[in-house]
Amino acid sequence: MRNITIVALAGLALAACSKAEQADATQDAKEAGAKVADSVRGAANEVASEADLKKARAEVDKAAAEAGAAVKAAGESAKDAAAGAVKDVARDTKSAVHEATAPTPEEKAAEKK
């Protein structure tokens, strides 16, 4: 937030200056920006190289792998359960159709006459 404020103020100051002053101010702003970027990069590298961060990253990676394996296993179980349910529904439907279309005892008796 501080950097944004500085850049905004620098922009306003540039608008009120001569071309030479604007060029100098632009160069100064670029140098300041480069210094800030270098500081941020250095801090990020220090944090990234800390052992605790590396350990935490390894633990997150391990947890993600375990979660992925659990989801895959759950998917396989769901697939097997769904296949069983489809077979049951097909069997029940076939049975229901057979019962619905089969002649009743009265119809069988009428056929024999």
PDB file of N, CA and C in Angstrom:
ATOM      1  N   MET A   1       0.838  -1.186   0.000  1.00  0.00           N
ATOM      2  CA  MET A   1       0.000   0.000   0.000  1.00  0.00           C
ATOM      3  C   MET A   1       0.878   1.242   0.000  1.00  0.00           C
ATOM      4  N   ARG A   2       1.956   1.185   0.761  1.00  0.00           N
ATOM      5  CA  ARG A   2       2.866   2.320   0.851  1.00  0.00           C
ATOM      6  C   ARG A   2       3.484   2.609  -0.513  1.00  0.00           C
ATOM      7  N   ASN A   3       3.863   1.542  -1.213  1.00  0.00           N
ATOM      8  CA  ASN A   3       4.490   1.712  -2.528  1.00  0.00           C
ATOM      9  C   ASN A   3       3.517   2.333  -3.522  1.00  0.00           C
ATOM     10  N   ILE A   4       2.263   1.955  -3.447  1.00  0.00           N
ATOM     11  CA  ILE A   4       1.255   2.511  -4.353  1.00  0.00           C
ATOM     12  C   ILE A   4       1.112   4.009  -4.111  1.00  0.00           C
ATOM     13  N   THR A   5       1.097   4.384  -2.844  1.00  0.00           N
ATOM     14  CA  THR A   5       0.975   5.796  -2.490  1.00  0.00           C
ATOM     15  C   THR A   5       2.174   6.570  -3.025  1.00  0.00           C
ATOM     16  N   ILE A   6       3.361   6.019  -2.868  1.00  0.00           N
ATOM     17  CA  ILE A   6       4.573   6.696  -3.346  1.00  0.00           C
ATOM     18  C   ILE A   6       4.527   6.867  -4.859  1.00  0.00           C
ATOM     19  N   VAL A   7       4.131   5.829  -5.564  1.00  0.00           N
ATOM     20  CA  VAL A   7       4.055   5.901  -7.025  1.00  0.00           C
ATOM     21  C   VAL A   7       3.007   6.919  -7.453  1.00  0.00           C
ATOM     22  N   ALA A   8       1.869   6.960  -6.776  1.00  0.00           N
ATOM     23  CA  ALA A   8       0.823   7.916  -7.119  1.00  0.00           C
ATOM     24  C   ALA A   8       1.299   9.353  -6.898  1.00  0.00           C
ATOM     25  N   LEU A   9       1.953   9.593  -5.782  1.00  0.00           N
ATOM     26  CA  LEU A   9       2.476  10.937  -5.512  1.00  0.00           C
ATOM     27  C   LEU A   9       3.559  11.318  -6.515  1.00  0.00           C
ATOM     28  N   ALA A  10       4.385  10.360  -6.876  1.00  0.00           N
ATOM     29  CA  ALA A  10       5.423  10.619  -7.862  1.00  0.00           C
ATOM     30  C   ALA A  10       4.783  10.988  -9.202  1.00  0.00           C
ATOM     31  N   GLY A  11       3.704  10.313  -9.556  1.00  0.00           N
ATOM     32  CA  GLY A  11       3.002  10.622 -10.797  1.00  0.00           C
ATOM     33  C   GLY A  11       2.445  12.027 -10.797  1.00  0.00           C
ATOM     34  N   LEU A  12       1.863  12.438  -9.669  1.00  0.00           N
ATOM     35  CA  LEU A  12       1.339  13.801  -9.566  1.00  0.00           C
ATOM     36  C   LEU A  12       2.464  14.830  -9.637  1.00  0.00           C
ATOM     37  N   ALA A  13       3.576  14.506  -8.995  1.00  0.00           N
ATOM     38  CA  ALA A  13       4.710  15.434  -9.016  1.00  0.00           C
ATOM     39  C   ALA A  13       5.281  15.566 -10.423  1.00  0.00           C
ATOM     40  N   LEU A  14       5.302  14.446 -11.162  1.00  0.00           N
ATOM     41  CA  LEU A  14       5.831  14.488 -12.530  1.00  0.00           C
ATOM     42  C   LEU A  14       4.994  15.388 -13.428  1.00  0.00           C
ATOM     43  N   ALA A  15       3.719  15.415 -13.220  1.00  0.00           N
ATOM     44  CA  ALA A  15       2.836  16.220 -14.054  1.00  0.00           C
ATOM     45  C   ALA A  15       3.129  17.710 -13.910  1.00  0.00           C
ATOM     46  N   ALA A  16       3.643  18.119 -12.780  1.00  0.00           N
ATOM     47  CA  ALA A  16       3.894  19.543 -12.524  1.00  0.00           C
ATOM     48  C   ALA A  16       5.330  19.960 -12.829  1.00  0.00           C
ATOM     49  N   CYS A  17       6.159  19.067 -13.323  1.00  0.00           N
ATOM     50  CA  CYS A  17       7.583  19.355 -13.530  1.00  0.00           C
ATOM     51  C   CYS A  17       7.905  19.559 -15.006  1.00  0.00           C
ATOM     52  N   SER A  18       9.133  20.112 -15.254  1.00  0.00           N
ATOM     53  CA  SER A  18       9.619  20.258 -16.622  1.00  0.00           C
ATOM     54  C   SER A  18      10.054  18.895 -17.148  1.00  0.00           C
ATOM     55  N   LYS A  19      10.357  18.827 -18.459  1.00  0.00           N
ATOM     56  CA  LYS A  19      10.766  17.558 -19.073  1.00  0.00           C
ATOM     57  C   LYS A  19      12.023  17.003 -18.413  1.00  0.00           C
ATOM     58  N   ALA A  20      12.995  17.819 -18.129  1.00  0.00           N
ATOM     59  CA  ALA A  20      14.239  17.349 -17.510  1.00  0.00           C
ATOM     60  C   ALA A  20      13.968  16.844 -16.097  1.00  0.00           C
ATOM     61  N   GLU A  21      13.148  17.601 -15.373  1.00  0.00           N
ATOM     62  CA  GLU A  21      12.803  17.165 -14.012  1.00  0.00           C
ATOM     63  C   GLU A  21      12.015  15.867 -14.047  1.00  0.00           C
ATOM     64  N   GLN A  22      11.110  15.729 -15.059  1.00  0.00           N
ATOM     65  CA  GLN A  22      10.326  14.511 -15.199  1.00  0.00           C
ATOM     66  C   GLN A  22      11.234  13.314 -15.478  1.00  0.00           C
ATOM     67  N   ALA A  23      12.223  13.509 -16.349  1.00  0.00           N
ATOM     68  CA  ALA A  23      13.147  12.423 -16.680  1.00  0.00           C
ATOM     69  C   ALA A  23      13.930  12.002 -15.435  1.00  0.00           C
ATOM     70  N   ASP A  24      14.412  12.998 -14.661  1.00  0.00           N
ATOM     71  CA  ASP A  24      15.145  12.682 -13.432  1.00  0.00           C
ATOM     72  C   ASP A  24      14.253  11.954 -12.427  1.00  0.00           C
ATOM     73  N   ALA A  25      13.041  12.454 -12.285  1.00  0.00           N
ATOM     74  CA  ALA A  25      12.117  11.843 -11.332  1.00  0.00           C
ATOM     75  C   ALA A  25      11.745  10.428 -11.770  1.00  0.00           C
ATOM     76  N   THR A  26      11.561  10.239 -13.084  1.00  0.00           N
ATOM     77  CA  THR A  26      11.240   8.915 -13.606  1.00  0.00           C
ATOM     78  C   THR A  26      12.382   7.947 -13.309  1.00  0.00           C
ATOM     79  N   GLN A  27      13.602   8.388 -13.544  1.00  0.00           N
ATOM     80  CA  GLN A  27      14.770   7.543 -13.272  1.00  0.00           C
ATOM     81  C   GLN A  27      14.850   7.212 -11.785  1.00  0.00           C
ATOM     82  N   ASP A  28      14.620   8.198 -10.943  1.00  0.00           N
ATOM     83  CA  ASP A  28      14.648   7.964  -9.496  1.00  0.00           C
ATOM     84  C   ASP A  28      13.569   6.961  -9.086  1.00  0.00           C
ATOM     85  N   ALA A  29      12.386   7.088  -9.666  1.00  0.00           N
ATOM     86  CA  ALA A  29      11.287   6.175  -9.343  1.00  0.00           C
ATOM     87  C   ALA A  29      11.625   4.759  -9.785  1.00  0.00           C
ATOM     88  N   LYS A  30      12.243   4.636 -10.983  1.00  0.00           N
ATOM     89  CA  LYS A  30      12.634   3.309 -11.464  1.00  0.00           C
ATOM     90  C   LYS A  30      13.661   2.675 -10.530  1.00  0.00           C
ATOM     91  N   GLU A  31      14.628   3.468 -10.101  1.00  0.00           N
ATOM     92  CA  GLU A  31      15.657   2.944  -9.196  1.00  0.00           C
ATOM     93  C   GLU A  31      15.044   2.529  -7.858  1.00  0.00           C
ATOM     94  N   ALA A  32      14.146   3.356  -7.350  1.00  0.00           N
ATOM     95  CA  ALA A  32      13.481   3.019  -6.080  1.00  0.00           C
ATOM     96  C   ALA A  32      12.659   1.747  -6.240  1.00  0.00           C
ATOM     97  N   GLY A  33      11.948   1.634  -7.365  1.00  0.00           N
ATOM     98  CA  GLY A  33      11.162   0.431  -7.629  1.00  0.00           C
ATOM     99  C   GLY A  33      12.045  -0.798  -7.718  1.00  0.00           C
ATOM    100  N   ALA A  34      13.198  -0.664  -8.359  1.00  0.00           N
ATOM    101  CA  ALA A  34      14.125  -1.789  -8.475  1.00  0.00           C
ATOM    102  C   ALA A  34      14.638  -2.204  -7.101  1.00  0.00           C
ATOM    103  N   LYS A  35      14.927  -1.223  -6.250  1.00  0.00           N
ATOM    104  CA  LYS A  35      15.397  -1.539  -4.892  1.00  0.00           C
ATOM    105  C   LYS A  35      14.317  -2.285  -4.104  1.00  0.00           C
ATOM    106  N   VAL A  36      13.073  -1.802  -4.215  1.00  0.00           N
ATOM    107  CA  VAL A  36      11.969  -2.467  -3.510  1.00  0.00           C
ATOM    108  C   VAL A  36      11.800  -3.884  -4.036  1.00  0.00           C
ATOM    109  N   ALA A  37      11.846  -4.053  -5.357  1.00  0.00           N
ATOM    110  CA  ALA A  37      11.705  -5.387  -5.949  1.00  0.00           C
ATOM    111  C   ALA A  37      12.816  -6.316  -5.474  1.00  0.00           C
ATOM    112  N   ASP A  38      14.052  -5.794  -5.414  1.00  0.00           N
ATOM    113  CA  ASP A  38      15.175  -6.608  -4.925  1.00  0.00           C
ATOM    114  C   ASP A  38      14.968  -7.008  -3.472  1.00  0.00           C
ATOM    115  N   SER A  39      14.469  -6.091  -2.662  1.00  0.00           N
ATOM    116  CA  SER A  39      14.219  -6.395  -1.253  1.00  0.00           C
ATOM    117  C   SER A  39      13.157  -7.471  -1.111  1.00  0.00           C
ATOM    118  N   VAL A  40      12.100  -7.349  -1.896  1.00  0.00           N
ATOM    119  CA  VAL A  40      11.020  -8.339  -1.839  1.00  0.00           C
ATOM    120  C   VAL A  40      11.532  -9.703  -2.286  1.00  0.00           C
ATOM    121  N   ARG A  41      12.312  -9.709  -3.385  1.00  0.00           N
ATOM    122  CA  ARG A  41      12.873 -10.974  -3.870  1.00  0.00           C
ATOM    123  C   ARG A  41      13.777 -11.607  -2.811  1.00  0.00           C
ATOM    124  N   GLY A  42      14.599 -10.787  -2.178  1.00  0.00           N
ATOM    125  CA  GLY A  42      15.497 -11.308  -1.140  1.00  0.00           C
ATOM    126  C   GLY A  42      14.719 -11.887   0.036  1.00  0.00           C
ATOM    127  N   ALA A  43      13.691 -11.182   0.460  1.00  0.00           N
ATOM    128  CA  ALA A  43      12.876 -11.682   1.576  1.00  0.00           C
ATOM    129  C   ALA A  43      12.170 -12.966   1.186  1.00  0.00           C
ATOM    130  N   ALA A  44      11.664 -13.024  -0.030  1.00  0.00           N
ATOM    131  CA  ALA A  44      10.980 -14.237  -0.488  1.00  0.00           C
ATOM    132  C   ALA A  44      11.941 -15.412  -0.538  1.00  0.00           C
ATOM    133  N   ASN A  45      13.158 -15.181  -0.989  1.00  0.00           N
ATOM    134  CA  ASN A  45      14.143 -16.260  -1.039  1.00  0.00           C
ATOM    135  C   ASN A  45      14.517 -16.744   0.358  1.00  0.00           C
ATOM    136  N   GLU A  46      14.617 -15.817   1.307  1.00  0.00           N
ATOM    137  CA  GLU A  46      14.926 -16.215   2.686  1.00  0.00           C
ATOM    138  C   GLU A  46      13.816 -17.082   3.260  1.00  0.00           C
ATOM    139  N   VAL A  47      12.575 -16.672   3.027  1.00  0.00           N
ATOM    140  CA  VAL A  47      11.441 -17.436   3.551  1.00  0.00           C
ATOM    141  C   VAL A  47      11.367 -18.796   2.874  1.00  0.00           C
ATOM    142  N   ALA A  48      11.570 -18.820   1.566  1.00  0.00           N
ATOM    143  CA  ALA A  48      11.455 -20.073   0.820  1.00  0.00           C
ATOM    144  C   ALA A  48      12.533 -21.066   1.204  1.00  0.00           C
ATOM    145  N   SER A  49      13.653 -20.584   1.704  1.00  0.00           N
ATOM    146  CA  SER A  49      14.744 -21.495   2.027  1.00  0.00           C
ATOM    147  C   SER A  49      14.686 -21.992   3.472  1.00  0.00           C
ATOM    148  N   GLU A  50      13.765 -21.514   4.250  1.00  0.00           N
ATOM    149  CA  GLU A  50      13.684 -21.946   5.638  1.00  0.00           C
ATOM    150  C   GLU A  50      13.244 -23.407   5.724  1.00  0.00           C
ATOM    151  N   ALA A  51      13.828 -24.140   6.652  1.00  0.00           N
ATOM    152  CA  ALA A  51      13.542 -25.572   6.810  1.00  0.00           C
ATOM    153  C   ALA A  51      12.083 -25.820   7.170  1.00  0.00           C
ATOM    154  N   ASP A  52      11.508 -24.968   8.007  1.00  0.00           N
ATOM    155  CA  ASP A  52      10.105 -25.161   8.401  1.00  0.00           C
ATOM    156  C   ASP A  52       9.171 -25.059   7.204  1.00  0.00           C
ATOM    157  N   LEU A  53       9.460 -24.131   6.315  1.00  0.00           N
ATOM    158  CA  LEU A  53       8.621 -23.976   5.134  1.00  0.00           C
ATOM    159  C   LEU A  53       8.749 -25.203   4.236  1.00  0.00           C
ATOM    160  N   LYS A  54       9.963 -25.698   4.086  1.00  0.00           N
ATOM    161  CA  LYS A  54      10.163 -26.891   3.264  1.00  0.00           C
ATOM    162  C   LYS A  54       9.447 -28.093   3.879  1.00  0.00           C
ATOM    163  N   LYS A  55       9.519 -28.195   5.200  1.00  0.00           N
ATOM    164  CA  LYS A  55       8.849 -29.300   5.883  1.00  0.00           C
ATOM    165  C   LYS A  55       7.330 -29.178   5.698  1.00  0.00           C
ATOM    166  N   ALA A  56       6.808 -27.978   5.852  1.00  0.00           N
ATOM    167  CA  ALA A  56       5.374 -27.762   5.687  1.00  0.00           C
ATOM    168  C   ALA A  56       4.950 -28.086   4.261  1.00  0.00           C
ATOM    169  N   ARG A  57       5.744 -27.690   3.289  1.00  0.00           N
ATOM    170  CA  ARG A  57       5.422 -27.981   1.894  1.00  0.00           C
ATOM    171  C   ARG A  57       5.381 -29.493   1.666  1.00  0.00           C
ATOM    172  N   ALA A  58       6.348 -30.214   2.239  1.00  0.00           N
ATOM    173  CA  ALA A  58       6.370 -31.672   2.097  1.00  0.00           C
ATOM    174  C   ALA A  58       5.135 -32.306   2.736  1.00  0.00           C
ATOM    175  N   GLU A  59       4.737 -31.789   3.894  1.00  0.00           N
ATOM    176  CA  GLU A  59       3.550 -32.321   4.567  1.00  0.00           C
ATOM    177  C   GLU A  59       2.286 -32.038   3.757  1.00  0.00           C
ATOM    178  N   VAL A  60       2.198 -30.860   3.166  1.00  0.00           N
ATOM    179  CA  VAL A  60       1.040 -30.523   2.331  1.00  0.00           C
ATOM    180  C   VAL A  60       1.009 -31.429   1.103  1.00  0.00           C
ATOM    181  N   ASP A  61       2.171 -31.641   0.491  1.00  0.00           N
ATOM    182  CA  ASP A  61       2.237 -32.525  -0.678  1.00  0.00           C
ATOM    183  C   ASP A  61       1.804 -33.942  -0.308  1.00  0.00           C
ATOM    184  N   LYS A  62       2.263 -34.429   0.844  1.00  0.00           N
ATOM    185  CA  LYS A  62       1.901 -35.771   1.296  1.00  0.00           C
ATOM    186  C   LYS A  62       0.391 -35.855   1.548  1.00  0.00           C
ATOM    187  N   ALA A  63      -0.153 -34.840   2.220  1.00  0.00           N
ATOM    188  CA  ALA A  63      -1.593 -34.829   2.509  1.00  0.00           C
ATOM    189  C   ALA A  63      -2.399 -34.783   1.213  1.00  0.00           C
ATOM    190  N   ALA A  64      -1.934 -34.020   0.245  1.00  0.00           N
ATOM    191  CA  ALA A  64      -2.634 -33.941  -1.038  1.00  0.00           C
ATOM    192  C   ALA A  64      -2.606 -35.289  -1.750  1.00  0.00           C
ATOM    193  N   ALA A  65      -1.472 -35.976  -1.690  1.00  0.00           N
ATOM    194  CA  ALA A  65      -1.379 -37.297  -2.322  1.00  0.00           C
ATOM    195  C   ALA A  65      -2.306 -38.289  -1.635  1.00  0.00           C
ATOM    196  N   GLU A  66      -2.346 -38.246  -0.309  1.00  0.00           N
ATOM    197  CA  GLU A  66      -3.230 -39.147   0.437  1.00  0.00           C
ATOM    198  C   GLU A  66      -4.695 -38.841   0.133  1.00  0.00           C
ATOM    199  N   ALA A  67      -5.028 -37.570   0.055  1.00  0.00           N
ATOM    200  CA  ALA A  67      -6.406 -37.184  -0.259  1.00  0.00           C
ATOM    201  C   ALA A  67      -6.771 -37.645  -1.668  1.00  0.00           C
ATOM    202  N   GLY A  68      -5.843 -37.500  -2.593  1.00  0.00           N
ATOM    203  CA  GLY A  68      -6.093 -37.963  -3.959  1.00  0.00           C
ATOM    204  C   GLY A  68      -6.334 -39.463  -4.007  1.00  0.00           C
ATOM    205  N   ALA A  69      -5.536 -40.222  -3.256  1.00  0.00           N
ATOM    206  CA  ALA A  69      -5.718 -41.681  -3.220  1.00  0.00           C
ATOM    207  C   ALA A  69      -7.062 -42.043  -2.602  1.00  0.00           C
ATOM    208  N   ALA A  70      -7.458 -41.321  -1.553  1.00  0.00           N
ATOM    209  CA  ALA A  70      -8.745 -41.590  -0.905  1.00  0.00           C
ATOM    210  C   ALA A  70      -9.908 -41.283  -1.844  1.00  0.00           C
ATOM    211  N   VAL A  71      -9.804 -40.189  -2.581  1.00  0.00           N
ATOM    212  CA  VAL A  71     -10.854 -39.835  -3.530  1.00  0.00           C
ATOM    213  C   VAL A  71     -10.938 -40.884  -4.639  1.00  0.00           C
ATOM    214  N   LYS A  72      -9.784 -41.341  -5.100  1.00  0.00           N
ATOM    215  CA  LYS A  72      -9.771 -42.358  -6.145  1.00  0.00           C
ATOM    216  C   LYS A  72     -10.416 -43.647  -5.641  1.00  0.00           C
ATOM    217  N   ALA A  73     -10.061 -44.058  -4.413  1.00  0.00           N
ATOM    218  CA  ALA A  73     -10.647 -45.271  -3.834  1.00  0.00           C
ATOM    219  C   ALA A  73     -12.157 -45.112  -3.654  1.00  0.00           C
ATOM    220  N   ALA A  74     -12.579 -43.950  -3.194  1.00  0.00           N
ATOM    221  CA  ALA A  74     -14.012 -43.699  -3.022  1.00  0.00           C
ATOM    222  C   ALA A  74     -14.726 -43.746  -4.368  1.00  0.00           C
ATOM    223  N   GLY A  75     -14.074 -43.230  -5.393  1.00  0.00           N
ATOM    224  CA  GLY A  75     -14.650 -43.268  -6.734  1.00  0.00           C
ATOM    225  C   GLY A  75     -14.803 -44.699  -7.230  1.00  0.00           C
ATOM    226  N   GLU A  76     -13.804 -45.530  -6.968  1.00  0.00           N
ATOM    227  CA  GLU A  76     -13.887 -46.934  -7.368  1.00  0.00           C
ATOM    228  C   GLU A  76     -15.020 -47.636  -6.620  1.00  0.00           C
ATOM    229  N   SER A  77     -15.131 -47.357  -5.311  1.00  0.00           N
ATOM    230  CA  SER A  77     -16.210 -47.962  -4.521  1.00  0.00           C
ATOM    231  C   SER A  77     -17.574 -47.519  -5.046  1.00  0.00           C
ATOM    232  N   ALA A  78     -17.693 -46.243  -5.355  1.00  0.00           N
ATOM    233  CA  ALA A  78     -18.958 -45.721  -5.880  1.00  0.00           C
ATOM    234  C   ALA A  78     -19.274 -46.350  -7.234  1.00  0.00           C
ATOM    235  N   LYS A  79     -18.243 -46.535  -8.049  1.00  0.00           N
ATOM    236  CA  LYS A  79     -18.435 -47.155  -9.355  1.00  0.00           C
ATOM    237  C   LYS A  79     -18.934 -48.591  -9.194  1.00  0.00           C
ATOM    238  N   ASP A  80     -18.305 -49.339  -8.271  1.00  0.00           N
ATOM    239  CA  ASP A  80     -18.730 -50.718  -8.025  1.00  0.00           C
ATOM    240  C   ASP A  80     -20.152 -50.770  -7.484  1.00  0.00           C
ATOM    241  N   ALA A  81     -20.461 -49.872  -6.550  1.00  0.00           N
ATOM    242  CA  ALA A  81     -21.812 -49.838  -5.976  1.00  0.00           C
ATOM    243  C   ALA A  81     -22.843 -49.486  -7.044  1.00  0.00           C
ATOM    244  N   ALA A  82     -22.494 -48.546  -7.911  1.00  0.00           N
ATOM    245  CA  ALA A  82     -23.419 -48.149  -8.974  1.00  0.00           C
ATOM    246  C   ALA A  82     -23.640 -49.300  -9.951  1.00  0.00           C
ATOM    247  N   ALA A  83     -22.568 -50.031 -10.262  1.00  0.00           N
ATOM    248  CA  ALA A  83     -22.713 -51.169 -11.177  1.00  0.00           C
ATOM    249  C   ALA A  83     -23.624 -52.232 -10.562  1.00  0.00           C
ATOM    250  N   GLY A  84     -23.453 -52.477  -9.269  1.00  0.00           N
ATOM    251  CA  GLY A  84     -24.324 -53.434  -8.585  1.00  0.00           C
ATOM    252  C   GLY A  84     -25.768 -52.969  -8.567  1.00  0.00           C
ATOM    253  N   ALA A  85     -25.964 -51.693  -8.329  1.00  0.00           N
ATOM    254  CA  ALA A  85     -27.322 -51.142  -8.307  1.00  0.00           C
ATOM    255  C   ALA A  85     -27.973 -51.245  -9.679  1.00  0.00           C
ATOM    256  N   VAL A  86     -27.200 -50.999 -10.735  1.00  0.00           N
ATOM    257  CA  VAL A  86     -27.736 -51.107 -12.098  1.00  0.00           C
ATOM    258  C   VAL A  86     -28.163 -52.540 -12.374  1.00  0.00           C
ATOM    259  N   LYS A  87     -27.345 -53.487 -11.960  1.00  0.00           N
ATOM    260  CA  LYS A  87     -27.701 -54.904 -12.165  1.00  0.00           C
ATOM    261  C   LYS A  87     -28.984 -55.257 -11.411  1.00  0.00           C
ATOM    262  N   ASP A  88     -29.082 -54.764 -10.168  1.00  0.00           N
ATOM    263  CA  ASP A  88     -30.283 -55.026  -9.366  1.00  0.00           C
ATOM    264  C   ASP A  88     -31.523 -54.421 -10.022  1.00  0.00           C
ATOM    265  N   VAL A  89     -31.413 -53.203 -10.485  1.00  0.00           N
ATOM    266  CA  VAL A  89     -32.545 -52.537 -11.133  1.00  0.00           C
ATOM    267  C   VAL A  89     -32.929 -53.286 -12.405  1.00  0.00           C
ATOM    268  N   ALA A  90     -31.936 -53.703 -13.175  1.00  0.00           N
ATOM    269  CA  ALA A  90     -32.226 -54.444 -14.410  1.00  0.00           C
ATOM    270  C   ALA A  90     -32.936 -55.761 -14.098  1.00  0.00           C
ATOM    271  N   ARG A  91     -32.453 -56.460 -13.082  1.00  0.00           N
ATOM    272  CA  ARG A  91     -33.078 -57.729 -12.692  1.00  0.00           C
ATOM    273  C   ARG A  91     -34.511 -57.501 -12.219  1.00  0.00           C
ATOM    274  N   ASP A  92     -34.699 -56.495 -11.369  1.00  0.00           N
ATOM    275  CA  ASP A  92     -36.034 -56.201 -10.846  1.00  0.00           C
ATOM    276  C   ASP A  92     -36.977 -55.754 -11.966  1.00  0.00           C
ATOM    277  N   THR A  93     -36.467 -54.970 -12.899  1.00  0.00           N
ATOM    278  CA  THR A  93     -37.288 -54.514 -14.017  1.00  0.00           C
ATOM    279  C   THR A  93     -37.697 -55.692 -14.894  1.00  0.00           C
ATOM    280  N   LYS A  94     -36.752 -56.566 -15.173  1.00  0.00           N
ATOM    281  CA  LYS A  94     -37.054 -57.754 -15.983  1.00  0.00           C
ATOM    282  C   LYS A  94     -38.115 -58.612 -15.304  1.00  0.00           C
ATOM    283  N   SER A  95     -37.969 -58.785 -13.998  1.00  0.00           N
ATOM    284  CA  SER A  95     -38.932 -59.565 -13.234  1.00  0.00           C
ATOM    285  C   SER A  95     -40.310 -58.901 -13.256  1.00  0.00           C
ATOM    286  N   ALA A  96     -40.335 -57.584 -13.085  1.00  0.00           N
ATOM    287  CA  ALA A  96     -41.606 -56.860 -13.085  1.00  0.00           C
ATOM    288  C   ALA A  96     -42.285 -56.942 -14.447  1.00  0.00           C
ATOM    289  N   VAL A  97     -41.507 -56.836 -15.518  1.00  0.00           N
ATOM    290  CA  VAL A  97     -42.072 -56.945 -16.870  1.00  0.00           C
ATOM    291  C   VAL A  97     -42.619 -58.354 -17.086  1.00  0.00           C
ATOM    292  N   HIS A  98     -41.864 -59.340 -16.632  1.00  0.00           N
ATOM    293  CA  HIS A  98     -42.313 -60.727 -16.783  1.00  0.00           C
ATOM    294  C   HIS A  98     -43.630 -60.951 -16.033  1.00  0.00           C
ATOM    295  N   GLU A  99     -43.696 -60.440 -14.805  1.00  0.00           N
ATOM    296  CA  GLU A  99     -44.919 -60.596 -14.010  1.00  0.00           C
ATOM    297  C   GLU A  99     -46.093 -59.864 -14.648  1.00  0.00           C
ATOM    298  N   ALA A 100     -45.808 -58.684 -15.192  1.00  0.00           N
ATOM    299  CA  ALA A 100     -46.886 -57.879 -15.786  1.00  0.00           C
ATOM    300  C   ALA A 100     -47.409 -58.482 -17.078  1.00  0.00           C
ATOM    301  N   THR A 101     -46.549 -59.171 -17.797  1.00  0.00           N
ATOM    302  CA  THR A 101     -46.975 -59.723 -19.084  1.00  0.00           C
ATOM    303  C   THR A 101     -47.340 -61.197 -19.025  1.00  0.00           C
ATOM    304  N   ALA A 102     -47.057 -61.837 -17.918  1.00  0.00           N
ATOM    305  CA  ALA A 102     -47.373 -63.266 -17.794  1.00  0.00           C
ATOM    306  C   ALA A 102     -48.887 -63.439 -17.639  1.00  0.00           C
ATOM    307  N   PRO A 103     -49.427 -64.479 -18.236  1.00  0.00           N
ATOM    308  CA  PRO A 103     -50.875 -64.706 -18.116  1.00  0.00           C
ATOM    309  C   PRO A 103     -51.241 -65.097 -16.678  1.00  0.00           C
ATOM    310  N   THR A 104     -52.375 -64.617 -16.234  1.00  0.00           N
ATOM    311  CA  THR A 104     -52.872 -64.960 -14.902  1.00  0.00           C
ATOM    312  C   THR A 104     -53.398 -66.385 -14.932  1.00  0.00           C
ATOM    313  N   PRO A 105     -53.592 -66.992 -13.756  1.00  0.00           N
ATOM    314  CA  PRO A 105     -54.144 -68.353 -13.758  1.00  0.00           C
ATOM    315  C   PRO A 105     -55.487 -68.433 -14.482  1.00  0.00           C
ATOM    316  N   GLU A 106     -56.287 -67.391 -14.407  1.00  0.00           N
ATOM    317  CA  GLU A 106     -57.565 -67.381 -15.096  1.00  0.00           C
ATOM    318  C   GLU A 106     -57.368 -67.378 -16.605  1.00  0.00           C
ATOM    319  N   GLU A 107     -56.367 -66.598 -17.066  1.00  0.00           N
ATOM    320  CA  GLU A 107     -56.075 -66.543 -18.493  1.00  0.00           C
ATOM    321  C   GLU A 107     -55.536 -67.902 -18.979  1.00  0.00           C
ATOM    322  N   LYS A 108     -54.738 -68.548 -18.177  1.00  0.00           N
ATOM    323  CA  LYS A 108     -54.222 -69.872 -18.537  1.00  0.00           C
ATOM    324  C   LYS A 108     -55.354 -70.884 -18.634  1.00  0.00           C
ATOM    325  N   ALA A 109     -56.278 -70.810 -17.685  1.00  0.00           N
ATOM    326  CA  ALA A 109     -57.420 -71.730 -17.702  1.00  0.00           C
ATOM    327  C   ALA A 109     -58.296 -71.477 -18.922  1.00  0.00           C
ATOM    328  N   ALA A 110     -58.440 -70.194 -19.292  1.00  0.00           N
ATOM    329  CA  ALA A 110     -59.269 -69.860 -20.439  1.00  0.00           C
ATOM    330  C   ALA A 110     -58.609 -70.355 -21.727  1.00  0.00           C
ATOM    331  N   GLU A 111     -57.308 -70.361 -21.780  1.00  0.00           N
ATOM    332  CA  GLU A 111     -56.578 -70.813 -22.959  1.00  0.00           C
ATOM    333  C   GLU A 111     -56.753 -72.319 -23.160  1.00  0.00           C
ATOM    334  N   LYS A 112     -56.855 -73.070 -22.049  1.00  0.00           N
ATOM    335  CA  LYS A 112     -56.973 -74.529 -22.135  1.00  0.00           C
ATOM    336  C   LYS A 112     -58.341 -74.948 -22.668  1.00  0.00           C
ATOM    337  N   LYS A 113     -59.327 -74.142 -22.548  1.00  0.00           N
ATOM    338  CA  LYS A 113     -60.694 -74.493 -22.980  1.00  0.00           C
ATOM    339  C   LYS A 113     -60.874 -74.411 -24.425  1.00  0.00           C
TER     340      LYS A 113
END
